[in-house]
Amino acid sequence: MPRPPLTEFESKGWYLSEEGLALIEDEFDDDKGTQTVDDYIATALHMDLRQLSSKGFRKGDMQPVSTLPSPLVLQLLEVRNVAMPLAHQTDAPRLLRITFTDGGKKKWTGVEYFGAVDCIKFVF
């Protein structure tokens, strides 16, 4: 079975590079060539997205982004309580700054949303 095309991964929110797919394939056992898109994704979940995608979803376009494509896989890079000094990150009050990447050079930073965010699925 040949490697699935990049467009199949992009339809699921994964903007991988050919080099990234090769890194994922290196993690497979002896039965290389029989994996589905879901097998690739299950393996990629345990890898650094920055190694799997050189340009992220923007593919080199550095224009400002007003909306993100959906679905889109992002990797959590950092969580910091900006309401407290670094030495007391677990103390109240709490205002979290969260930094994500799509695997490209760009990072997105936001603050904690008070309440549930239904459109975000976290995978551990």
PDB file of N, CA and C in Angstrom:
ATOM      1  N   MET A   1       0.861  -1.179   0.000  1.00  0.00           N
ATOM      2  CA  MET A   1       0.000   0.000   0.000  1.00  0.00           C
ATOM      3  C   MET A   1       0.906   1.241   0.000  1.00  0.00           C
ATOM      4  N   PRO A   2       0.688   2.142  -0.928  1.00  0.00           N
ATOM      5  CA  PRO A   2       1.528   3.350  -0.959  1.00  0.00           C
ATOM      6  C   PRO A   2       1.175   4.314   0.178  1.00  0.00           C
ATOM      7  N   ARG A   3       2.094   5.226   0.431  1.00  0.00           N
ATOM      8  CA  ARG A   3       1.893   6.252   1.463  1.00  0.00           C
ATOM      9  C   ARG A   3       0.669   7.105   1.090  1.00  0.00           C
ATOM     10  N   PRO A   4      -0.201   7.404   2.065  1.00  0.00           N
ATOM     11  CA  PRO A   4      -1.358   8.263   1.773  1.00  0.00           C
ATOM     12  C   PRO A   4      -0.893   9.656   1.331  1.00  0.00           C
ATOM     13  N   PRO A   5      -1.636  10.301   0.426  1.00  0.00           N
ATOM     14  CA  PRO A   5      -1.244  11.645  -0.022  1.00  0.00           C
ATOM     15  C   PRO A   5      -1.421  12.678   1.090  1.00  0.00           C
ATOM     16  N   LEU A   6      -0.656  13.753   1.014  1.00  0.00           N
ATOM     17  CA  LEU A   6      -0.717  14.820   2.016  1.00  0.00           C
ATOM     18  C   LEU A   6      -2.115  15.404   2.147  1.00  0.00           C
ATOM     19  N   THR A   7      -2.879  15.432   1.069  1.00  0.00           N
ATOM     20  CA  THR A   7      -4.226  16.009   1.120  1.00  0.00           C
ATOM     21  C   THR A   7      -5.144  15.252   2.074  1.00  0.00           C
ATOM     22  N   GLU A   8      -4.917  13.943   2.228  1.00  0.00           N
ATOM     23  CA  GLU A   8      -5.732  13.173   3.179  1.00  0.00           C
ATOM     24  C   GLU A   8      -5.465  13.608   4.611  1.00  0.00           C
ATOM     25  N   PHE A   9      -4.207  13.922   4.921  1.00  0.00           N
ATOM     26  CA  PHE A   9      -3.862  14.402   6.253  1.00  0.00           C
ATOM     27  C   PHE A   9      -4.416  15.813   6.470  1.00  0.00           C
ATOM     28  N   GLU A  10      -4.320  16.646   5.447  1.00  0.00           N
ATOM     29  CA  GLU A  10      -4.809  18.026   5.551  1.00  0.00           C
ATOM     30  C   GLU A  10      -6.313  18.066   5.778  1.00  0.00           C
ATOM     31  N   SER A  11      -7.048  17.136   5.208  1.00  0.00           N
ATOM     32  CA  SER A  11      -8.492  17.101   5.426  1.00  0.00           C
ATOM     33  C   SER A  11      -8.836  16.788   6.880  1.00  0.00           C
ATOM     34  N   LYS A  12      -7.878  16.214   7.619  1.00  0.00           N
ATOM     35  CA  LYS A  12      -8.062  15.919   9.038  1.00  0.00           C
ATOM     36  C   LYS A  12      -7.365  16.944   9.930  1.00  0.00           C
ATOM     37  N   GLY A  13      -6.803  18.009   9.324  1.00  0.00           N
ATOM     38  CA  GLY A  13      -6.183  19.079  10.089  1.00  0.00           C
ATOM     39  C   GLY A  13      -4.696  18.941  10.293  1.00  0.00           C
ATOM     40  N   TRP A  14      -4.075  17.933   9.714  1.00  0.00           N
ATOM     41  CA  TRP A  14      -2.643  17.687   9.856  1.00  0.00           C
ATOM     42  C   TRP A  14      -1.926  18.213   8.618  1.00  0.00           C
ATOM     43  N   TYR A  15      -1.120  19.250   8.768  1.00  0.00           N
ATOM     44  CA  TYR A  15      -0.384  19.848   7.657  1.00  0.00           C
ATOM     45  C   TYR A  15       1.069  19.404   7.748  1.00  0.00           C
ATOM     46  N   LEU A  16       1.309  18.181   7.271  1.00  0.00           N
ATOM     47  CA  LEU A  16       2.615  17.531   7.390  1.00  0.00           C
ATOM     48  C   LEU A  16       3.440  17.776   6.133  1.00  0.00           C
ATOM     49  N   SER A  17       4.741  17.613   6.276  1.00  0.00           N
ATOM     50  CA  SER A  17       5.639  17.682   5.123  1.00  0.00           C
ATOM     51  C   SER A  17       6.011  16.254   4.720  1.00  0.00           C
ATOM     52  N   GLU A  18       6.581  16.111   3.524  1.00  0.00           N
ATOM     53  CA  GLU A  18       7.051  14.795   3.080  1.00  0.00           C
ATOM     54  C   GLU A  18       8.115  14.261   4.044  1.00  0.00           C
ATOM     55  N   GLU A  19       8.974  15.158   4.534  1.00  0.00           N
ATOM     56  CA  GLU A  19      10.004  14.758   5.487  1.00  0.00           C
ATOM     57  C   GLU A  19       9.365  14.291   6.799  1.00  0.00           C
ATOM     58  N   GLY A  20       8.291  14.967   7.211  1.00  0.00           N
ATOM     59  CA  GLY A  20       7.572  14.568   8.417  1.00  0.00           C
ATOM     60  C   GLY A  20       6.946  13.197   8.279  1.00  0.00           C
ATOM     61  N   LEU A  21       6.366  12.925   7.110  1.00  0.00           N
ATOM     62  CA  LEU A  21       5.794  11.594   6.879  1.00  0.00           C
ATOM     63  C   LEU A  21       6.880  10.527   6.932  1.00  0.00           C
ATOM     64  N   ALA A  22       8.065  10.846   6.406  1.00  0.00           N
ATOM     65  CA  ALA A  22       9.174   9.885   6.467  1.00  0.00           C
ATOM     66  C   ALA A  22       9.588   9.627   7.920  1.00  0.00           C
ATOM     67  N   LEU A  23       9.581  10.665   8.764  1.00  0.00           N
ATOM     68  CA  LEU A  23       9.892  10.478  10.184  1.00  0.00           C
ATOM     69  C   LEU A  23       8.855   9.586  10.864  1.00  0.00           C
ATOM     70  N   ILE A  24       7.597   9.774  10.509  1.00  0.00           N
ATOM     71  CA  ILE A  24       6.539   8.923  11.073  1.00  0.00           C
ATOM     72  C   ILE A  24       6.745   7.480  10.630  1.00  0.00           C
ATOM     73  N   GLU A  25       7.055   7.286   9.345  1.00  0.00           N
ATOM     74  CA  GLU A  25       7.263   5.924   8.834  1.00  0.00           C
ATOM     75  C   GLU A  25       8.423   5.234   9.534  1.00  0.00           C
ATOM     76  N   ASP A  26       9.434   6.004   9.935  1.00  0.00           N
ATOM     77  CA  ASP A  26      10.571   5.415  10.656  1.00  0.00           C
ATOM     78  C   ASP A  26      10.147   4.812  11.991  1.00  0.00           C
ATOM     79  N   GLU A  27       9.020   5.273  12.542  1.00  0.00           N
ATOM     80  CA  GLU A  27       8.522   4.763  13.819  1.00  0.00           C
ATOM     81  C   GLU A  27       7.727   3.466  13.663  1.00  0.00           C
ATOM     82  N   PHE A  28       7.338   3.126  12.418  1.00  0.00           N
ATOM     83  CA  PHE A  28       6.574   1.906  12.201  1.00  0.00           C
ATOM     84  C   PHE A  28       7.477   0.688  12.317  1.00  0.00           C
ATOM     85  N   ASP A  29       6.867  -0.443  12.662  1.00  0.00           N
ATOM     86  CA  ASP A  29       7.608  -1.696  12.764  1.00  0.00           C
ATOM     87  C   ASP A  29       7.837  -2.287  11.380  1.00  0.00           C
ATOM     88  N   ASP A  30       7.999  -3.576  11.321  1.00  0.00           N
ATOM     89  CA  ASP A  30       8.350  -4.259  10.071  1.00  0.00           C
ATOM     90  C   ASP A  30       7.267  -4.196   9.006  1.00  0.00           C
ATOM     91  N   ASP A  31       6.018  -3.971   9.373  1.00  0.00           N
ATOM     92  CA  ASP A  31       4.919  -4.008   8.404  1.00  0.00           C
ATOM     93  C   ASP A  31       4.719  -2.670   7.701  1.00  0.00           C
ATOM     94  N   LYS A  32       5.814  -2.022   7.311  1.00  0.00           N
ATOM     95  CA  LYS A  32       5.706  -0.742   6.609  1.00  0.00           C
ATOM     96  C   LYS A  32       4.939  -0.930   5.306  1.00  0.00           C
ATOM     97  N   GLY A  33       4.156   0.069   4.948  1.00  0.00           N
ATOM     98  CA  GLY A  33       3.399   0.013   3.706  1.00  0.00           C
ATOM     99  C   GLY A  33       1.962  -0.433   3.887  1.00  0.00           C
ATOM    100  N   THR A  34       1.592  -0.862   5.100  1.00  0.00           N
ATOM    101  CA  THR A  34       0.222  -1.316   5.323  1.00  0.00           C
ATOM    102  C   THR A  34      -0.565  -0.338   6.200  1.00  0.00           C
ATOM    103  N   GLN A  35       0.038   0.812   6.537  1.00  0.00           N
ATOM    104  CA  GLN A  35      -0.596   1.740   7.460  1.00  0.00           C
ATOM    105  C   GLN A  35      -1.607   2.635   6.740  1.00  0.00           C
ATOM    106  N   THR A  36      -2.646   2.980   7.480  1.00  0.00           N
ATOM    107  CA  THR A  36      -3.665   3.908   6.995  1.00  0.00           C
ATOM    108  C   THR A  36      -3.331   5.310   7.491  1.00  0.00           C
ATOM    109  N   VAL A  37      -4.119   6.284   7.066  1.00  0.00           N
ATOM    110  CA  VAL A  37      -3.952   7.658   7.539  1.00  0.00           C
ATOM    111  C   VAL A  37      -4.090   7.697   9.057  1.00  0.00           C
ATOM    112  N   ASP A  38      -5.039   6.958   9.598  1.00  0.00           N
ATOM    113  CA  ASP A  38      -5.237   6.941  11.053  1.00  0.00           C
ATOM    114  C   ASP A  38      -4.039   6.339  11.787  1.00  0.00           C
ATOM    115  N   ASP A  39      -3.362   5.375  11.179  1.00  0.00           N
ATOM    116  CA  ASP A  39      -2.147   4.809  11.783  1.00  0.00           C
ATOM    117  C   ASP A  39      -1.044   5.866  11.836  1.00  0.00           C
ATOM    118  N   TYR A  40      -0.897   6.628  10.760  1.00  0.00           N
ATOM    119  CA  TYR A  40       0.089   7.712  10.734  1.00  0.00           C
ATOM    120  C   TYR A  40      -0.233   8.736  11.827  1.00  0.00           C
ATOM    121  N   ILE A  41      -1.501   9.114  11.936  1.00  0.00           N
ATOM    122  CA  ILE A  41      -1.904  10.122  12.920  1.00  0.00           C
ATOM    123  C   ILE A  41      -1.676   9.609  14.337  1.00  0.00           C
ATOM    124  N   ALA A  42      -2.010   8.353  14.592  1.00  0.00           N
ATOM    125  CA  ALA A  42      -1.797   7.791  15.935  1.00  0.00           C
ATOM    126  C   ALA A  42      -0.327   7.835  16.318  1.00  0.00           C
ATOM    127  N   THR A  43       0.550   7.625  15.371  1.00  0.00           N
ATOM    128  CA  THR A  43       1.989   7.707  15.641  1.00  0.00           C
ATOM    129  C   THR A  43       2.421   9.156  15.804  1.00  0.00           C
ATOM    130  N   ALA A  44       1.895  10.046  14.973  1.00  0.00           N
ATOM    131  CA  ALA A  44       2.271  11.463  15.019  1.00  0.00           C
ATOM    132  C   ALA A  44       1.863  12.123  16.330  1.00  0.00           C
ATOM    133  N   LEU A  45       0.827  11.618  16.980  1.00  0.00           N
ATOM    134  CA  LEU A  45       0.384  12.195  18.251  1.00  0.00           C
ATOM    135  C   LEU A  45       1.464  12.147  19.321  1.00  0.00           C
ATOM    136  N   HIS A  46       2.422  11.246  19.175  1.00  0.00           N
ATOM    137  CA  HIS A  46       3.481  11.081  20.154  1.00  0.00           C
ATOM    138  C   HIS A  46       4.797  11.725  19.702  1.00  0.00           C
ATOM    139  N   MET A  47       4.719  12.567  18.675  1.00  0.00           N
ATOM    140  CA  MET A  47       5.908  13.208  18.127  1.00  0.00           C
ATOM    141  C   MET A  47       5.757  14.726  18.189  1.00  0.00           C
ATOM    142  N   ASP A  48       6.860  15.423  17.984  1.00  0.00           N
ATOM    143  CA  ASP A  48       6.872  16.886  17.982  1.00  0.00           C
ATOM    144  C   ASP A  48       6.384  17.387  16.629  1.00  0.00           C
ATOM    145  N   LEU A  49       5.285  18.118  16.625  1.00  0.00           N
ATOM    146  CA  LEU A  49       4.691  18.613  15.388  1.00  0.00           C
ATOM    147  C   LEU A  49       5.658  19.509  14.622  1.00  0.00           C
ATOM    148  N   ARG A  50       6.559  20.177  15.330  1.00  0.00           N
ATOM    149  CA  ARG A  50       7.524  21.053  14.667  1.00  0.00           C
ATOM    150  C   ARG A  50       8.513  20.269  13.816  1.00  0.00           C
ATOM    151  N   GLN A  51       8.695  18.987  14.091  1.00  0.00           N
ATOM    152  CA  GLN A  51       9.560  18.143  13.260  1.00  0.00           C
ATOM    153  C   GLN A  51       8.811  17.552  12.077  1.00  0.00           C
ATOM    154  N   LEU A  52       7.495  17.529  12.169  1.00  0.00           N
ATOM    155  CA  LEU A  52       6.680  16.889  11.138  1.00  0.00           C
ATOM    156  C   LEU A  52       6.153  17.850  10.089  1.00  0.00           C
ATOM    157  N   SER A  53       6.158  19.140  10.399  1.00  0.00           N
ATOM    158  CA  SER A  53       5.610  20.133   9.485  1.00  0.00           C
ATOM    159  C   SER A  53       6.555  21.329   9.430  1.00  0.00           C
ATOM    160  N   SER A  54       7.114  21.583   8.273  1.00  0.00           N
ATOM    161  CA  SER A  54       8.079  22.680   8.177  1.00  0.00           C
ATOM    162  C   SER A  54       7.403  24.036   7.989  1.00  0.00           C
ATOM    163  N   LYS A  55       6.197  24.050   7.436  1.00  0.00           N
ATOM    164  CA  LYS A  55       5.545  25.328   7.155  1.00  0.00           C
ATOM    165  C   LYS A  55       4.155  25.454   7.754  1.00  0.00           C
ATOM    166  N   GLY A  56       3.669  24.441   8.435  1.00  0.00           N
ATOM    167  CA  GLY A  56       2.344  24.525   9.029  1.00  0.00           C
ATOM    168  C   GLY A  56       1.256  24.645   7.974  1.00  0.00           C
ATOM    169  N   PHE A  57       0.096  25.108   8.376  1.00  0.00           N
ATOM    170  CA  PHE A  57      -1.030  25.176   7.435  1.00  0.00           C
ATOM    171  C   PHE A  57      -0.886  26.306   6.434  1.00  0.00           C
ATOM    172  N   ARG A  58      -0.034  27.285   6.727  1.00  0.00           N
ATOM    173  CA  ARG A  58       0.096  28.437   5.837  1.00  0.00           C
ATOM    174  C   ARG A  58       1.054  28.189   4.688  1.00  0.00           C
ATOM    175  N   LYS A  59       1.832  27.141   4.754  1.00  0.00           N
ATOM    176  CA  LYS A  59       2.719  26.730   3.675  1.00  0.00           C
ATOM    177  C   LYS A  59       3.568  27.874   3.136  1.00  0.00           C
ATOM    178  N   GLY A  60       4.139  28.667   4.030  1.00  0.00           N
ATOM    179  CA  GLY A  60       5.042  29.737   3.638  1.00  0.00           C
ATOM    180  C   GLY A  60       4.388  31.094   3.466  1.00  0.00           C
ATOM    181  N   ASP A  61       3.058  31.173   3.463  1.00  0.00           N
ATOM    182  CA  ASP A  61       2.357  32.445   3.342  1.00  0.00           C
ATOM    183  C   ASP A  61       2.412  33.160   4.682  1.00  0.00           C
ATOM    184  N   MET A  62       3.069  34.301   4.741  1.00  0.00           N
ATOM    185  CA  MET A  62       3.258  35.001   6.006  1.00  0.00           C
ATOM    186  C   MET A  62       2.280  36.160   6.204  1.00  0.00           C
ATOM    187  N   GLN A  63       1.205  36.164   5.445  1.00  0.00           N
ATOM    188  CA  GLN A  63       0.183  37.197   5.627  1.00  0.00           C
ATOM    189  C   GLN A  63      -0.516  36.979   6.969  1.00  0.00           C
ATOM    190  N   PRO A  64      -0.987  38.062   7.606  1.00  0.00           N
ATOM    191  CA  PRO A  64      -1.721  37.901   8.871  1.00  0.00           C
ATOM    192  C   PRO A  64      -2.943  36.994   8.689  1.00  0.00           C
ATOM    193  N   VAL A  65      -3.217  36.213   9.707  1.00  0.00           N
ATOM    194  CA  VAL A  65      -4.325  35.258   9.667  1.00  0.00           C
ATOM    195  C   VAL A  65      -5.438  35.764  10.564  1.00  0.00           C
ATOM    196  N   SER A  66      -6.645  35.871  10.009  1.00  0.00           N
ATOM    197  CA  SER A  66      -7.783  36.306  10.818  1.00  0.00           C
ATOM    198  C   SER A  66      -8.623  35.118  11.281  1.00  0.00           C
ATOM    199  N   THR A  67      -8.568  34.006  10.545  1.00  0.00           N
ATOM    200  CA  THR A  67      -9.283  32.795  10.952  1.00  0.00           C
ATOM    201  C   THR A  67      -8.378  31.593  10.691  1.00  0.00           C
ATOM    202  N   LEU A  68      -8.567  30.575  11.488  1.00  0.00           N
ATOM    203  CA  LEU A  68      -7.818  29.337  11.321  1.00  0.00           C
ATOM    204  C   LEU A  68      -8.681  28.321  10.598  1.00  0.00           C
ATOM    205  N   PRO A  69      -8.071  27.479   9.755  1.00  0.00           N
ATOM    206  CA  PRO A  69      -8.870  26.447   9.094  1.00  0.00           C
ATOM    207  C   PRO A  69      -9.388  25.444  10.118  1.00  0.00           C
ATOM    208  N   SER A  70     -10.465  24.789   9.764  1.00  0.00           N
ATOM    209  CA  SER A  70     -11.026  23.791  10.657  1.00  0.00           C
ATOM    210  C   SER A  70     -11.287  22.531   9.844  1.00  0.00           C
ATOM    211  N   PRO A  71     -10.835  21.399  10.274  1.00  0.00           N
ATOM    212  CA  PRO A  71     -10.101  21.140  11.506  1.00  0.00           C
ATOM    213  C   PRO A  71      -8.638  21.568  11.365  1.00  0.00           C
ATOM    214  N   LEU A  72      -7.978  21.786  12.486  1.00  0.00           N
ATOM    215  CA  LEU A  72      -6.572  22.151  12.522  1.00  0.00           C
ATOM    216  C   LEU A  72      -5.936  21.569  13.770  1.00  0.00           C
ATOM    217  N   VAL A  73      -4.859  20.836  13.591  1.00  0.00           N
ATOM    218  CA  VAL A  73      -4.127  20.255  14.711  1.00  0.00           C
ATOM    219  C   VAL A  73      -3.058  21.246  15.137  1.00  0.00           C
ATOM    220  N   LEU A  74      -3.063  21.589  16.413  1.00  0.00           N
ATOM    221  CA  LEU A  74      -2.060  22.471  16.999  1.00  0.00           C
ATOM    222  C   LEU A  74      -1.379  21.746  18.148  1.00  0.00           C
ATOM    223  N   GLN A  75      -0.134  22.099  18.397  1.00  0.00           N
ATOM    224  CA  GLN A  75       0.602  21.524  19.518  1.00  0.00           C
ATOM    225  C   GLN A  75       0.743  22.575  20.595  1.00  0.00           C
ATOM    226  N   LEU A  76       0.430  22.192  21.822  1.00  0.00           N
ATOM    227  CA  LEU A  76       0.590  23.071  22.971  1.00  0.00           C
ATOM    228  C   LEU A  76       2.070  23.167  23.310  1.00  0.00           C
ATOM    229  N   LEU A  77       2.590  24.401  23.333  1.00  0.00           N
ATOM    230  CA  LEU A  77       4.000  24.614  23.631  1.00  0.00           C
ATOM    231  C   LEU A  77       4.238  25.082  25.057  1.00  0.00           C
ATOM    232  N   GLU A  78       3.351  25.959  25.563  1.00  0.00           N
ATOM    233  CA  GLU A  78       3.595  26.541  26.881  1.00  0.00           C
ATOM    234  C   GLU A  78       2.292  26.996  27.514  1.00  0.00           C
ATOM    235  N   VAL A  79       2.204  26.808  28.818  1.00  0.00           N
ATOM    236  CA  VAL A  79       1.115  27.344  29.627  1.00  0.00           C
ATOM    237  C   VAL A  79       1.763  28.082  30.785  1.00  0.00           C
ATOM    238  N   ARG A  80       1.400  29.346  30.947  1.00  0.00           N
ATOM    239  CA  ARG A  80       1.991  30.147  32.024  1.00  0.00           C
ATOM    240  C   ARG A  80       0.915  31.002  32.672  1.00  0.00           C
ATOM    241  N   ASN A  81       0.938  31.068  33.999  1.00  0.00           N
ATOM    242  CA  ASN A  81       0.026  31.922  34.753  1.00  0.00           C
ATOM    243  C   ASN A  81       0.634  33.328  34.790  1.00  0.00           C
ATOM    244  N   VAL A  82       0.133  34.213  33.936  1.00  0.00           N
ATOM    245  CA  VAL A  82       0.699  35.562  33.840  1.00  0.00           C
ATOM    246  C   VAL A  82       0.219  36.466  34.971  1.00  0.00           C
ATOM    247  N   ALA A  83      -0.693  35.996  35.787  1.00  0.00           N
ATOM    248  CA  ALA A  83      -1.165  36.788  36.927  1.00  0.00           C
ATOM    249  C   ALA A  83      -0.240  36.645  38.127  1.00  0.00           C
ATOM    250  N   MET A  84       0.702  35.707  38.065  1.00  0.00           N
ATOM    251  CA  MET A  84       1.597  35.437  39.193  1.00  0.00           C
ATOM    252  C   MET A  84       3.039  35.384  38.702  1.00  0.00           C
ATOM    253  N   PRO A  85       4.006  35.655  39.584  1.00  0.00           N
ATOM    254  CA  PRO A  85       5.414  35.508  39.199  1.00  0.00           C
ATOM    255  C   PRO A  85       5.753  34.055  38.889  1.00  0.00           C
ATOM    256  N   LEU A  86       6.836  33.832  38.146  1.00  0.00           N
ATOM    257  CA  LEU A  86       7.223  32.474  37.764  1.00  0.00           C
ATOM    258  C   LEU A  86       7.400  31.541  38.955  1.00  0.00           C
ATOM    259  N   ALA A  87       7.829  32.060  40.081  1.00  0.00           N
ATOM    260  CA  ALA A  87       8.074  31.220  41.261  1.00  0.00           C
ATOM    261  C   ALA A  87       6.788  30.700  41.895  1.00  0.00           C
ATOM    262  N   HIS A  88       5.640  31.275  41.587  1.00  0.00           N
ATOM    263  CA  HIS A  88       4.372  30.900  42.224  1.00  0.00           C
ATOM    264  C   HIS A  88       3.297  30.628  41.168  1.00  0.00           C
ATOM    265  N   GLN A  89       3.592  29.782  40.201  1.00  0.00           N
ATOM    266  CA  GLN A  89       2.677  29.543  39.097  1.00  0.00           C
ATOM    267  C   GLN A  89       1.397  28.821  39.486  1.00  0.00           C
ATOM    268  N   THR A  90       1.356  28.171  40.625  1.00  0.00           N
ATOM    269  CA  THR A  90       0.144  27.442  41.008  1.00  0.00           C
ATOM    270  C   THR A  90      -0.768  28.253  41.916  1.00  0.00           C
ATOM    271  N   ASP A  91      -0.332  29.414  42.326  1.00  0.00           N
ATOM    272  CA  ASP A  91      -1.138  30.236  43.240  1.00  0.00           C
ATOM    273  C   ASP A  91      -2.232  30.988  42.487  1.00  0.00           C
ATOM    274  N   ALA A  92      -3.296  31.356  43.232  1.00  0.00           N
ATOM    275  CA  ALA A  92      -4.363  32.194  42.680  1.00  0.00           C
ATOM    276  C   ALA A  92      -3.934  33.641  42.849  1.00  0.00           C
ATOM    277  N   PRO A  93      -4.365  34.579  42.087  1.00  0.00           N
ATOM    278  CA  PRO A  93      -5.308  34.471  40.979  1.00  0.00           C
ATOM    279  C   PRO A  93      -4.672  33.809  39.755  1.00  0.00           C
ATOM    280  N   ARG A  94      -5.527  33.477  38.809  1.00  0.00           N
ATOM    281  CA  ARG A  94      -5.079  32.720  37.659  1.00  0.00           C
ATOM    282  C   ARG A  94      -5.515  33.406  36.371  1.00  0.00           C
ATOM    283  N   LEU A  95      -4.563  33.626  35.484  1.00  0.00           N
ATOM    284  CA  LEU A  95      -4.819  34.086  34.122  1.00  0.00           C
ATOM    285  C   LEU A  95      -3.764  33.406  33.257  1.00  0.00           C
ATOM    286  N   LEU A  96      -4.173  32.380  32.528  1.00  0.00           N
ATOM    287  CA  LEU A  96      -3.223  31.561  31.798  1.00  0.00           C
ATOM    288  C   LEU A  96      -2.961  32.112  30.405  1.00  0.00           C
ATOM    289  N   ARG A  97      -1.672  32.176  30.054  1.00  0.00           N
ATOM    290  CA  ARG A  97      -1.261  32.476  28.682  1.00  0.00           C
ATOM    291  C   ARG A  97      -0.872  31.144  28.063  1.00  0.00           C
ATOM    292  N   ILE A  98      -1.474  30.838  26.930  1.00  0.00           N
ATOM    293  CA  ILE A  98      -1.290  29.549  26.283  1.00  0.00           C
ATOM    294  C   ILE A  98      -0.687  29.788  24.908  1.00  0.00           C
ATOM    295  N   THR A  99       0.370  29.031  24.586  1.00  0.00           N
ATOM    296  CA  THR A  99       1.046  29.184  23.304  1.00  0.00           C
ATOM    297  C   THR A  99       0.961  27.873  22.528  1.00  0.00           C
ATOM    298  N   PHE A 100       0.511  27.976  21.264  1.00  0.00           N
ATOM    299  CA  PHE A 100       0.363  26.839  20.360  1.00  0.00           C
ATOM    300  C   PHE A 100       1.212  27.052  19.115  1.00  0.00           C
ATOM    301  N   THR A 101       1.487  25.954  18.396  1.00  0.00           N
ATOM    302  CA  THR A 101       2.095  26.013  17.078  1.00  0.00           C
ATOM    303  C   THR A 101       1.386  25.035  16.156  1.00  0.00           C
ATOM    304  N   ASP A 102       1.425  25.334  14.854  1.00  0.00           N
ATOM    305  CA  ASP A 102       0.900  24.396  13.860  1.00  0.00           C
ATOM    306  C   ASP A 102       2.026  23.574  13.250  1.00  0.00           C
ATOM    307  N   GLY A 103       3.207  23.723  13.808  1.00  0.00           N
ATOM    308  CA  GLY A 103       4.368  23.009  13.301  1.00  0.00           C
ATOM    309  C   GLY A 103       5.260  23.874  12.439  1.00  0.00           C
ATOM    310  N   GLY A 104       4.747  24.996  11.969  1.00  0.00           N
ATOM    311  CA  GLY A 104       5.555  25.924  11.184  1.00  0.00           C
ATOM    312  C   GLY A 104       6.318  26.869  12.093  1.00  0.00           C
ATOM    313  N   LYS A 105       6.775  27.946  11.540  1.00  0.00           N
ATOM    314  CA  LYS A 105       7.566  28.915  12.306  1.00  0.00           C
ATOM    315  C   LYS A 105       6.697  29.794  13.208  1.00  0.00           C
ATOM    316  N   LYS A 106       5.419  29.867  12.940  1.00  0.00           N
ATOM    317  CA  LYS A 106       4.517  30.771  13.650  1.00  0.00           C
ATOM    318  C   LYS A 106       3.992  30.129  14.925  1.00  0.00           C
ATOM    319  N   LYS A 107       3.846  30.974  15.958  1.00  0.00           N
ATOM    320  CA  LYS A 107       3.229  30.553  17.218  1.00  0.00           C
ATOM    321  C   LYS A 107       2.030  31.452  17.468  1.00  0.00           C
ATOM    322  N   TRP A 108       1.006  30.899  18.110  1.00  0.00           N
ATOM    323  CA  TRP A 108      -0.172  31.671  18.499  1.00  0.00           C
ATOM    324  C   TRP A 108      -0.265  31.661  20.008  1.00  0.00           C
ATOM    325  N   THR A 109      -0.487  32.833  20.553  1.00  0.00           N
ATOM    326  CA  THR A 109      -0.613  32.966  21.994  1.00  0.00           C
ATOM    327  C   THR A 109      -1.988  33.530  22.307  1.00  0.00           C
ATOM    328  N   GLY A 110      -2.621  32.971  23.307  1.00  0.00           N
ATOM    329  CA  GLY A 110      -3.921  33.442  23.747  1.00  0.00           C
ATOM    330  C   GLY A 110      -4.003  33.358  25.254  1.00  0.00           C
ATOM    331  N   VAL A 111      -5.070  33.866  25.789  1.00  0.00           N
ATOM    332  CA  VAL A 111      -5.289  33.776  27.228  1.00  0.00           C
ATOM    333  C   VAL A 111      -6.420  32.802  27.489  1.00  0.00           C
ATOM    334  N   GLU A 112      -6.432  32.271  28.696  1.00  0.00           N
ATOM    335  CA  GLU A 112      -7.433  31.291  29.108  1.00  0.00           C
ATOM    336  C   GLU A 112      -8.833  31.850  28.910  1.00  0.00           C
ATOM    337  N   TYR A 113      -9.684  31.011  28.395  1.00  0.00           N
ATOM    338  CA  TYR A 113     -11.086  31.339  28.225  1.00  0.00           C
ATOM    339  C   TYR A 113     -11.825  30.793  29.440  1.00  0.00           C
ATOM    340  N   PHE A 114     -12.581  31.617  30.102  1.00  0.00           N
ATOM    341  CA  PHE A 114     -13.287  31.172  31.308  1.00  0.00           C
ATOM    342  C   PHE A 114     -14.542  30.427  30.902  1.00  0.00           C
ATOM    343  N   GLY A 115     -14.490  29.130  31.017  1.00  0.00           N
ATOM    344  CA  GLY A 115     -15.601  28.281  30.618  1.00  0.00           C
ATOM    345  C   GLY A 115     -15.124  27.250  29.613  1.00  0.00           C
ATOM    346  N   ALA A 116     -16.004  26.376  29.223  1.00  0.00           N
ATOM    347  CA  ALA A 116     -15.655  25.310  28.297  1.00  0.00           C
ATOM    348  C   ALA A 116     -15.502  25.855  26.885  1.00  0.00           C
ATOM    349  N   VAL A 117     -14.588  25.279  26.139  1.00  0.00           N
ATOM    350  CA  VAL A 117     -14.393  25.604  24.730  1.00  0.00           C
ATOM    351  C   VAL A 117     -14.733  24.335  23.957  1.00  0.00           C
ATOM    352  N   ASP A 118     -15.936  24.305  23.395  1.00  0.00           N
ATOM    353  CA  ASP A 118     -16.430  23.090  22.769  1.00  0.00           C
ATOM    354  C   ASP A 118     -15.728  22.742  21.463  1.00  0.00           C
ATOM    355  N   CYS A 119     -15.150  23.718  20.787  1.00  0.00           N
ATOM    356  CA  CYS A 119     -14.579  23.462  19.482  1.00  0.00           C
ATOM    357  C   CYS A 119     -13.142  22.938  19.553  1.00  0.00           C
ATOM    358  N   ILE A 120     -12.576  22.822  20.755  1.00  0.00           N
ATOM    359  CA  ILE A 120     -11.210  22.338  20.907  1.00  0.00           C
ATOM    360  C   ILE A 120     -11.252  20.940  21.514  1.00  0.00           C
ATOM    361  N   LYS A 121     -10.535  20.029  20.861  1.00  0.00           N
ATOM    362  CA  LYS A 121     -10.428  18.657  21.355  1.00  0.00           C
ATOM    363  C   LYS A 121      -8.984  18.453  21.791  1.00  0.00           C
ATOM    364  N   PHE A 122      -8.783  18.075  23.033  1.00  0.00           N
ATOM    365  CA  PHE A 122      -7.446  17.820  23.548  1.00  0.00           C
ATOM    366  C   PHE A 122      -7.175  16.327  23.507  1.00  0.00           C
ATOM    367  N   VAL A 123      -5.998  15.949  22.991  1.00  0.00           N
ATOM    368  CA  VAL A 123      -5.584  14.560  22.945  1.00  0.00           C
ATOM    369  C   VAL A 123      -4.290  14.429  23.734  1.00  0.00           C
ATOM    370  N   PHE A 124      -4.264  13.490  24.665  1.00  0.00           N
ATOM    371  CA  PHE A 124      -3.081  13.299  25.501  1.00  0.00           C
ATOM    372  C   PHE A 124      -2.453  11.968  25.200  1.00  0.00           C
TER     373      PHE A 124
END
